[in-house]
Structures are given as structure tokens and as C-alpha cells.
Amino acid sequence: MSPPPPSRFTWRTLFARSQTALFVVGGDRKLRYANPAWEQLTGKPLSAVRGSKLSAVRKSASPFAPPPE
């Protein structure tokens, strides 16, 4: 009996179809992937910013708290 054919489903396919802006950052804080919704939101094509290092995001005590002044 032969194994089933490999699935053509990938996370990139799922992300590309999403209406929500999504992006993937590597352990070195460099942008690895962003979906078309992210490109539209930021106005920047992924090809121009892929590999850019992202700055750290400040964490607050509560995710709903306003940012520190």
C-alpha cells in the first residue's frame, strides 16, 4: 500500500487568504513573512522589507492598558 500524497496545504497558503494582517518574525527579530493584508495595512511590499530587523515592542502589565507616556 502506498502512502497518501503529500498535502498541498501550508501555513503560507492559510495566511495569504486571511483578511487579518499577519506576519512572521524569526528568532533574530527579522521579518520573515507578511501576508497581503499586512502589505495593504502598512503600504509596504514584503519584497522591500523582508529581512528587516524589527524593534522591540514594550510590554505593559495589561494588554489593554494605554502605552506609557
N, C-alpha and C. Protein backbone atom coordinates (compact mmCIF):
# COMPACT_ATOMS: atom_id res chain seq x y z
N MET A 1 0.85 -1.18 0.00
CA MET A 1 0.00 0.00 0.00
C MET A 1 0.90 1.24 0.00
N SER A 2 0.63 2.18 -0.86
CA SER A 2 1.45 3.38 -0.97
C SER A 2 0.95 4.46 -0.01
N PRO A 3 1.87 5.32 0.45
CA PRO A 3 1.45 6.40 1.37
C PRO A 3 0.58 7.42 0.64
N PRO A 4 -0.23 8.16 1.38
CA PRO A 4 -1.09 9.18 0.74
C PRO A 4 -0.23 10.28 0.13
N PRO A 5 -0.74 10.94 -0.89
CA PRO A 5 0.04 12.03 -1.50
C PRO A 5 0.24 13.16 -0.49
N PRO A 6 1.35 13.89 -0.62
CA PRO A 6 1.60 14.99 0.33
C PRO A 6 0.54 16.07 0.20
N SER A 7 0.24 16.68 1.33
CA SER A 7 -0.76 17.75 1.36
C SER A 7 -0.19 19.01 0.71
N ARG A 8 -1.01 19.73 -0.02
CA ARG A 8 -0.59 20.99 -0.64
C ARG A 8 -0.88 22.17 0.27
N PHE A 9 -1.44 21.89 1.44
CA PHE A 9 -1.77 22.93 2.39
C PHE A 9 -0.52 23.37 3.14
N THR A 10 -0.29 24.67 3.22
CA THR A 10 0.81 25.21 4.01
C THR A 10 0.31 26.39 4.81
N TRP A 11 1.05 26.77 5.83
CA TRP A 11 0.65 27.94 6.63
C TRP A 11 0.66 29.19 5.78
N ARG A 12 1.57 29.26 4.79
CA ARG A 12 1.60 30.45 3.93
C ARG A 12 0.31 30.58 3.12
N THR A 13 -0.24 29.46 2.68
CA THR A 13 -1.50 29.47 1.94
C THR A 13 -2.62 30.00 2.83
N LEU A 14 -2.67 29.53 4.06
CA LEU A 14 -3.68 29.98 5.00
C LEU A 14 -3.53 31.47 5.29
N PHE A 15 -2.30 31.91 5.58
CA PHE A 15 -2.05 33.32 5.87
C PHE A 15 -2.37 34.21 4.68
N ALA A 16 -2.03 33.78 3.49
CA ALA A 16 -2.25 34.60 2.29
C ALA A 16 -3.73 34.84 2.05
N ARG A 17 -4.56 33.91 2.46
CA ARG A 17 -6.01 34.05 2.25
C ARG A 17 -6.69 34.85 3.36
N SER A 18 -6.00 35.07 4.46
CA SER A 18 -6.59 35.74 5.62
C SER A 18 -6.79 37.23 5.35
N GLN A 19 -7.88 37.77 5.85
CA GLN A 19 -8.16 39.20 5.77
C GLN A 19 -7.48 39.96 6.91
N THR A 20 -6.96 39.21 7.88
CA THR A 20 -6.27 39.79 9.03
C THR A 20 -4.80 39.94 8.70
N ALA A 21 -4.23 41.08 9.03
CA ALA A 21 -2.81 41.31 8.78
C ALA A 21 -1.98 40.42 9.70
N LEU A 22 -1.13 39.58 9.11
CA LEU A 22 -0.29 38.66 9.85
C LEU A 22 1.15 38.75 9.38
N PHE A 23 2.09 38.52 10.29
CA PHE A 23 3.48 38.49 9.90
C PHE A 23 4.24 37.50 10.78
N VAL A 24 5.38 37.04 10.28
CA VAL A 24 6.21 36.07 10.98
C VAL A 24 7.59 36.68 11.17
N VAL A 25 8.08 36.63 12.40
CA VAL A 25 9.40 37.16 12.75
C VAL A 25 10.25 36.00 13.25
N GLY A 26 11.49 35.92 12.78
CA GLY A 26 12.41 34.88 13.22
C GLY A 26 13.00 35.18 14.59
N GLY A 27 13.76 34.24 15.12
CA GLY A 27 14.39 34.40 16.41
C GLY A 27 15.37 35.56 16.46
N ASP A 28 15.86 35.97 15.31
CA ASP A 28 16.78 37.11 15.24
C ASP A 28 16.04 38.43 15.06
N ARG A 29 14.70 38.40 15.25
CA ARG A 29 13.81 39.57 15.14
C ARG A 29 13.75 40.15 13.73
N LYS A 30 14.05 39.33 12.72
CA LYS A 30 13.95 39.80 11.34
C LYS A 30 12.63 39.31 10.74
N LEU A 31 12.04 40.18 9.94
CA LEU A 31 10.77 39.86 9.29
C LEU A 31 10.99 38.75 8.27
N ARG A 32 10.27 37.65 8.42
CA ARG A 32 10.39 36.51 7.51
C ARG A 32 9.25 36.46 6.49
N TYR A 33 8.04 36.78 6.93
CA TYR A 33 6.88 36.68 6.05
C TYR A 33 5.81 37.66 6.52
N ALA A 34 5.08 38.21 5.58
CA ALA A 34 3.90 39.02 5.87
C ALA A 34 2.88 38.74 4.77
N ASN A 35 1.63 38.66 5.16
CA ASN A 35 0.60 38.36 4.16
C ASN A 35 0.15 39.62 3.43
N PRO A 36 -0.63 39.45 2.35
CA PRO A 36 -1.10 40.61 1.58
C PRO A 36 -1.89 41.63 2.42
N ALA A 37 -2.64 41.17 3.42
CA ALA A 37 -3.39 42.11 4.27
C ALA A 37 -2.41 43.00 5.04
N TRP A 38 -1.27 42.46 5.48
CA TRP A 38 -0.25 43.25 6.17
C TRP A 38 0.36 44.27 5.22
N GLU A 39 0.64 43.84 3.99
CA GLU A 39 1.19 44.76 2.99
C GLU A 39 0.24 45.91 2.73
N GLN A 40 -1.03 45.62 2.64
CA GLN A 40 -2.03 46.67 2.39
C GLN A 40 -2.13 47.61 3.60
N LEU A 41 -2.11 47.05 4.80
CA LEU A 41 -2.21 47.86 6.02
C LEU A 41 -1.01 48.80 6.17
N THR A 42 0.19 48.30 5.91
CA THR A 42 1.39 49.10 6.11
C THR A 42 1.77 49.92 4.88
N GLY A 43 1.26 49.53 3.71
CA GLY A 43 1.61 50.23 2.49
C GLY A 43 3.00 49.89 1.98
N LYS A 44 3.58 48.82 2.52
CA LYS A 44 4.93 48.40 2.12
C LYS A 44 4.90 46.99 1.57
N PRO A 45 5.52 46.76 0.41
CA PRO A 45 5.55 45.39 -0.12
C PRO A 45 6.54 44.54 0.68
N LEU A 46 6.22 43.28 0.86
CA LEU A 46 7.09 42.37 1.60
C LEU A 46 8.48 42.31 0.98
N SER A 47 8.55 42.34 -0.33
CA SER A 47 9.85 42.26 -1.00
C SER A 47 10.79 43.39 -0.59
N ALA A 48 10.23 44.53 -0.19
CA ALA A 48 11.06 45.67 0.20
C ALA A 48 11.50 45.62 1.67
N VAL A 49 10.77 44.88 2.51
CA VAL A 49 11.07 44.89 3.93
C VAL A 49 11.47 43.53 4.49
N ARG A 50 11.40 42.48 3.68
CA ARG A 50 11.79 41.14 4.16
C ARG A 50 13.23 41.19 4.66
N GLY A 51 13.47 40.62 5.82
CA GLY A 51 14.81 40.60 6.40
C GLY A 51 15.12 41.81 7.25
N SER A 52 14.22 42.78 7.30
CA SER A 52 14.43 43.96 8.15
C SER A 52 14.31 43.55 9.61
N LYS A 53 15.14 44.12 10.45
CA LYS A 53 15.09 43.83 11.87
C LYS A 53 14.03 44.71 12.51
N LEU A 54 13.15 44.10 13.29
CA LEU A 54 12.08 44.83 13.95
C LEU A 54 12.52 45.26 15.33
N SER A 55 12.10 46.43 15.74
CA SER A 55 12.45 46.92 17.07
C SER A 55 11.59 46.22 18.10
N ALA A 56 12.05 46.21 19.32
CA ALA A 56 11.32 45.56 20.41
C ALA A 56 10.03 46.32 20.70
N VAL A 57 9.04 45.60 21.12
CA VAL A 57 7.76 46.18 21.49
C VAL A 57 7.69 46.20 23.01
N ARG A 58 7.32 47.33 23.56
CA ARG A 58 7.20 47.43 25.01
C ARG A 58 5.98 46.65 25.48
N LYS A 59 6.16 45.90 26.54
CA LYS A 59 5.06 45.15 27.12
C LYS A 59 4.55 45.90 28.34
N SER A 60 3.25 45.99 28.45
CA SER A 60 2.66 46.63 29.63
C SER A 60 2.10 45.55 30.55
N ALA A 61 1.71 45.92 31.75
CA ALA A 61 1.18 44.95 32.71
C ALA A 61 -0.10 44.32 32.18
N SER A 62 -0.89 45.08 31.47
CA SER A 62 -2.14 44.59 30.90
C SER A 62 -2.13 44.84 29.40
N PRO A 63 -2.62 43.87 28.62
CA PRO A 63 -2.66 44.10 27.18
C PRO A 63 -3.62 45.23 26.78
N PHE A 64 -4.49 45.64 27.70
CA PHE A 64 -5.48 46.68 27.40
C PHE A 64 -5.10 48.03 27.99
N ALA A 65 -3.95 48.09 28.66
CA ALA A 65 -3.51 49.33 29.28
C ALA A 65 -2.95 50.26 28.23
N PRO A 66 -3.12 51.56 28.41
CA PRO A 66 -2.54 52.50 27.44
C PRO A 66 -1.02 52.45 27.51
N PRO A 67 -0.33 52.79 26.44
CA PRO A 67 1.14 52.78 26.47
C PRO A 67 1.67 53.82 27.44
N PRO A 68 2.86 53.55 28.01
CA PRO A 68 3.43 54.54 28.94
C PRO A 68 3.76 55.84 28.22
N GLU A 69 3.64 56.94 28.90
CA GLU A 69 3.89 58.24 28.28
C GLU A 69 5.35 58.59 28.29
